[in-house]
Amino acid sequence: MSLETFLKVRSIIANYFLTSPQDIMPETSAVDIDGWDSVSHTMLILEIEERLGILLPQEDVGSLETVADLVALIERRTQEK
């Protein structure tokens, strides 16, 4: 996991959920962030796709458990471009 990608994703998550970036670590999951439920997860993914200019496969998005998983998926998708 690259630090650059993690910092971008962390910033997007922090802005979306109005929380401090320092509260978001690679091992952070949805249960750790107030308001992160299935609906907000979908909206967050759309925000990430728009901000980073990528599309994330829905079958992969549903199985994400941590921020590190999300970053790894983003890095795989950007390498495939």
N, C-alpha and C. Protein backbone atom coordinates (compact mmCIF):
# COMPACT_ATOMS: atom_id res chain seq x y z
N MET A 1 0.85 -1.17 0.00
CA MET A 1 0.00 0.00 0.00
C MET A 1 0.90 1.24 0.00
N SER A 2 0.65 2.09 -0.98
CA SER A 2 1.47 3.30 -1.04
C SER A 2 0.91 4.35 -0.08
N LEU A 3 1.82 5.08 0.52
CA LEU A 3 1.44 6.15 1.45
C LEU A 3 0.63 7.21 0.72
N GLU A 4 1.01 7.52 -0.50
CA GLU A 4 0.31 8.56 -1.27
C GLU A 4 -1.17 8.21 -1.47
N THR A 5 -1.43 6.97 -1.88
CA THR A 5 -2.81 6.56 -2.10
C THR A 5 -3.57 6.53 -0.78
N PHE A 6 -2.95 6.00 0.26
CA PHE A 6 -3.60 5.97 1.57
C PHE A 6 -3.98 7.37 2.02
N LEU A 7 -3.07 8.34 1.89
CA LEU A 7 -3.35 9.70 2.34
C LEU A 7 -4.49 10.33 1.54
N LYS A 8 -4.56 10.05 0.23
CA LYS A 8 -5.67 10.56 -0.58
C LYS A 8 -6.99 9.97 -0.10
N VAL A 9 -7.01 8.65 0.08
CA VAL A 9 -8.24 7.98 0.50
C VAL A 9 -8.63 8.43 1.90
N ARG A 10 -7.67 8.54 2.78
CA ARG A 10 -7.95 8.99 4.15
C ARG A 10 -8.57 10.37 4.14
N SER A 11 -8.05 11.26 3.31
CA SER A 11 -8.58 12.61 3.22
C SER A 11 -10.03 12.60 2.72
N ILE A 12 -10.31 11.79 1.71
CA ILE A 12 -11.66 11.70 1.17
C ILE A 12 -12.62 11.17 2.24
N ILE A 13 -12.21 10.12 2.93
CA ILE A 13 -13.05 9.54 3.98
C ILE A 13 -13.29 10.56 5.10
N ALA A 14 -12.24 11.22 5.53
CA ALA A 14 -12.36 12.21 6.61
C ALA A 14 -13.30 13.34 6.21
N ASN A 15 -13.16 13.84 5.00
CA ASN A 15 -14.04 14.91 4.54
C ASN A 15 -15.48 14.43 4.42
N TYR A 16 -15.66 13.21 3.93
CA TYR A 16 -17.01 12.69 3.73
C TYR A 16 -17.74 12.51 5.07
N PHE A 17 -17.02 11.97 6.06
CA PHE A 17 -17.64 11.68 7.35
C PHE A 17 -17.38 12.77 8.40
N LEU A 18 -16.78 13.88 7.96
CA LEU A 18 -16.51 15.02 8.84
C LEU A 18 -15.79 14.58 10.12
N THR A 19 -14.70 13.86 9.91
CA THR A 19 -13.88 13.39 11.02
C THR A 19 -12.43 13.77 10.77
N SER A 20 -11.61 13.63 11.77
CA SER A 20 -10.20 13.96 11.63
C SER A 20 -9.47 12.87 10.84
N PRO A 21 -8.62 13.27 9.90
CA PRO A 21 -7.84 12.26 9.18
C PRO A 21 -7.01 11.37 10.10
N GLN A 22 -6.57 11.91 11.23
CA GLN A 22 -5.76 11.13 12.16
C GLN A 22 -6.54 9.98 12.79
N ASP A 23 -7.87 10.05 12.71
CA ASP A 23 -8.70 8.96 13.23
C ASP A 23 -8.81 7.79 12.27
N ILE A 24 -8.27 7.96 11.07
CA ILE A 24 -8.40 6.93 10.03
C ILE A 24 -7.04 6.30 9.78
N MET A 25 -6.96 5.02 10.08
CA MET A 25 -5.74 4.23 9.91
C MET A 25 -6.02 3.13 8.88
N PRO A 26 -4.99 2.45 8.40
CA PRO A 26 -5.23 1.36 7.45
C PRO A 26 -6.19 0.30 7.98
N GLU A 27 -6.16 0.04 9.27
CA GLU A 27 -7.01 -1.00 9.85
C GLU A 27 -8.41 -0.50 10.21
N THR A 28 -8.70 0.78 9.97
CA THR A 28 -10.01 1.33 10.26
C THR A 28 -11.06 0.64 9.38
N SER A 29 -12.20 0.33 10.00
CA SER A 29 -13.32 -0.26 9.26
C SER A 29 -14.55 0.61 9.45
N ALA A 30 -15.62 0.26 8.78
CA ALA A 30 -16.85 1.06 8.84
C ALA A 30 -17.38 1.18 10.27
N VAL A 31 -17.22 0.16 11.08
CA VAL A 31 -17.74 0.21 12.46
C VAL A 31 -16.99 1.24 13.31
N ASP A 32 -15.82 1.65 12.87
CA ASP A 32 -15.03 2.62 13.62
C ASP A 32 -15.42 4.08 13.35
N ILE A 33 -16.20 4.32 12.30
CA ILE A 33 -16.54 5.67 11.88
C ILE A 33 -18.05 5.88 12.02
N ASP A 34 -18.43 6.88 12.81
CA ASP A 34 -19.85 7.20 12.97
C ASP A 34 -20.48 7.52 11.62
N GLY A 35 -21.61 6.89 11.35
CA GLY A 35 -22.35 7.16 10.12
C GLY A 35 -21.96 6.32 8.93
N TRP A 36 -20.95 5.48 9.07
CA TRP A 36 -20.52 4.66 7.94
C TRP A 36 -21.36 3.40 7.92
N ASP A 37 -22.43 3.44 7.12
CA ASP A 37 -23.31 2.30 6.96
C ASP A 37 -23.33 1.90 5.48
N SER A 38 -24.21 1.01 5.12
CA SER A 38 -24.21 0.51 3.74
C SER A 38 -24.54 1.60 2.72
N VAL A 39 -25.43 2.49 3.07
CA VAL A 39 -25.79 3.57 2.15
C VAL A 39 -24.64 4.56 2.01
N SER A 40 -24.08 4.99 3.14
CA SER A 40 -22.97 5.95 3.06
C SER A 40 -21.74 5.30 2.43
N HIS A 41 -21.59 3.98 2.58
CA HIS A 41 -20.48 3.27 1.93
C HIS A 41 -20.59 3.42 0.41
N THR A 42 -21.79 3.21 -0.10
CA THR A 42 -22.01 3.35 -1.54
C THR A 42 -21.71 4.77 -2.00
N MET A 43 -22.19 5.75 -1.24
CA MET A 43 -21.95 7.14 -1.61
C MET A 43 -20.47 7.50 -1.51
N LEU A 44 -19.78 6.95 -0.51
CA LEU A 44 -18.35 7.18 -0.36
C LEU A 44 -17.59 6.61 -1.56
N ILE A 45 -17.95 5.41 -1.97
CA ILE A 45 -17.29 4.79 -3.12
C ILE A 45 -17.49 5.65 -4.37
N LEU A 46 -18.70 6.17 -4.57
CA LEU A 46 -18.95 7.05 -5.71
C LEU A 46 -18.09 8.31 -5.63
N GLU A 47 -17.94 8.86 -4.44
CA GLU A 47 -17.09 10.04 -4.24
C GLU A 47 -15.63 9.72 -4.57
N ILE A 48 -15.16 8.58 -4.10
CA ILE A 48 -13.78 8.17 -4.38
C ILE A 48 -13.57 7.97 -5.88
N GLU A 49 -14.52 7.31 -6.52
CA GLU A 49 -14.40 7.08 -7.96
C GLU A 49 -14.32 8.41 -8.72
N GLU A 50 -15.17 9.34 -8.34
CA GLU A 50 -15.18 10.63 -9.01
C GLU A 50 -13.88 11.40 -8.76
N ARG A 51 -13.47 11.45 -7.51
CA ARG A 51 -12.27 12.24 -7.16
C ARG A 51 -11.00 11.64 -7.74
N LEU A 52 -10.93 10.30 -7.84
CA LEU A 52 -9.71 9.66 -8.33
C LEU A 52 -9.79 9.27 -9.81
N GLY A 53 -10.96 9.44 -10.41
CA GLY A 53 -11.12 9.14 -11.83
C GLY A 53 -11.01 7.66 -12.16
N ILE A 54 -11.57 6.82 -11.29
CA ILE A 54 -11.53 5.37 -11.51
C ILE A 54 -12.92 4.78 -11.29
N LEU A 55 -13.10 3.55 -11.75
CA LEU A 55 -14.31 2.79 -11.46
C LEU A 55 -13.91 1.56 -10.68
N LEU A 56 -14.62 1.31 -9.59
CA LEU A 56 -14.33 0.15 -8.75
C LEU A 56 -15.43 -0.88 -8.95
N PRO A 57 -15.06 -2.13 -9.23
CA PRO A 57 -16.07 -3.17 -9.47
C PRO A 57 -16.94 -3.39 -8.23
N GLN A 58 -18.26 -3.40 -8.44
CA GLN A 58 -19.19 -3.57 -7.33
C GLN A 58 -18.96 -4.87 -6.57
N GLU A 59 -18.59 -5.92 -7.27
CA GLU A 59 -18.36 -7.20 -6.59
C GLU A 59 -17.17 -7.13 -5.63
N ASP A 60 -16.23 -6.26 -5.90
CA ASP A 60 -15.08 -6.08 -5.00
C ASP A 60 -15.40 -5.11 -3.87
N VAL A 61 -16.17 -4.09 -4.18
CA VAL A 61 -16.50 -3.05 -3.20
C VAL A 61 -17.27 -3.64 -2.01
N GLY A 62 -18.14 -4.59 -2.29
CA GLY A 62 -18.96 -5.18 -1.24
C GLY A 62 -18.19 -6.01 -0.24
N SER A 63 -17.01 -6.46 -0.60
CA SER A 63 -16.24 -7.33 0.29
C SER A 63 -15.14 -6.59 1.05
N LEU A 64 -15.07 -5.27 0.91
CA LEU A 64 -14.04 -4.49 1.61
C LEU A 64 -14.31 -4.49 3.11
N GLU A 65 -13.27 -4.70 3.88
CA GLU A 65 -13.42 -4.69 5.34
C GLU A 65 -12.69 -3.54 6.02
N THR A 66 -11.58 -3.09 5.44
CA THR A 66 -10.79 -2.04 6.06
C THR A 66 -10.39 -0.99 5.03
N VAL A 67 -9.89 0.12 5.52
CA VAL A 67 -9.38 1.16 4.63
C VAL A 67 -8.22 0.59 3.80
N ALA A 68 -7.40 -0.25 4.40
CA ALA A 68 -6.29 -0.87 3.66
C ALA A 68 -6.81 -1.70 2.49
N ASP A 69 -7.92 -2.41 2.69
CA ASP A 69 -8.53 -3.17 1.60
C ASP A 69 -8.97 -2.24 0.47
N LEU A 70 -9.56 -1.11 0.84
CA LEU A 70 -10.01 -0.13 -0.14
C LEU A 70 -8.83 0.44 -0.91
N VAL A 71 -7.77 0.79 -0.21
CA VAL A 71 -6.57 1.33 -0.86
C VAL A 71 -5.98 0.29 -1.81
N ALA A 72 -5.92 -0.96 -1.38
CA ALA A 72 -5.37 -2.02 -2.24
C ALA A 72 -6.20 -2.18 -3.51
N LEU A 73 -7.52 -2.12 -3.38
CA LEU A 73 -8.39 -2.22 -4.55
C LEU A 73 -8.16 -1.04 -5.50
N ILE A 74 -8.05 0.14 -4.95
CA ILE A 74 -7.79 1.33 -5.77
C ILE A 74 -6.47 1.20 -6.50
N GLU A 75 -5.45 0.74 -5.81
CA GLU A 75 -4.14 0.58 -6.45
C GLU A 75 -4.19 -0.48 -7.55
N ARG A 76 -4.91 -1.56 -7.34
CA ARG A 76 -5.05 -2.58 -8.40
C ARG A 76 -5.73 -1.98 -9.62
N ARG A 77 -6.79 -1.22 -9.39
CA ARG A 77 -7.54 -0.64 -10.50
C ARG A 77 -6.70 0.40 -11.26
N THR A 78 -5.92 1.20 -10.55
CA THR A 78 -5.14 2.22 -11.24
C THR A 78 -3.98 1.60 -12.01
N GLN A 79 -3.49 0.45 -11.56
CA GLN A 79 -2.43 -0.24 -12.28
C GLN A 79 -2.96 -0.89 -13.55
N GLU A 80 -4.26 -1.22 -13.57
CA GLU A 80 -4.87 -1.87 -14.72
C GLU A 80 -5.13 -0.88 -15.85
N LYS A 81 -5.16 0.40 -15.54
CA LYS A 81 -5.46 1.43 -16.56
C LYS A 81 -4.42 1.45 -17.65
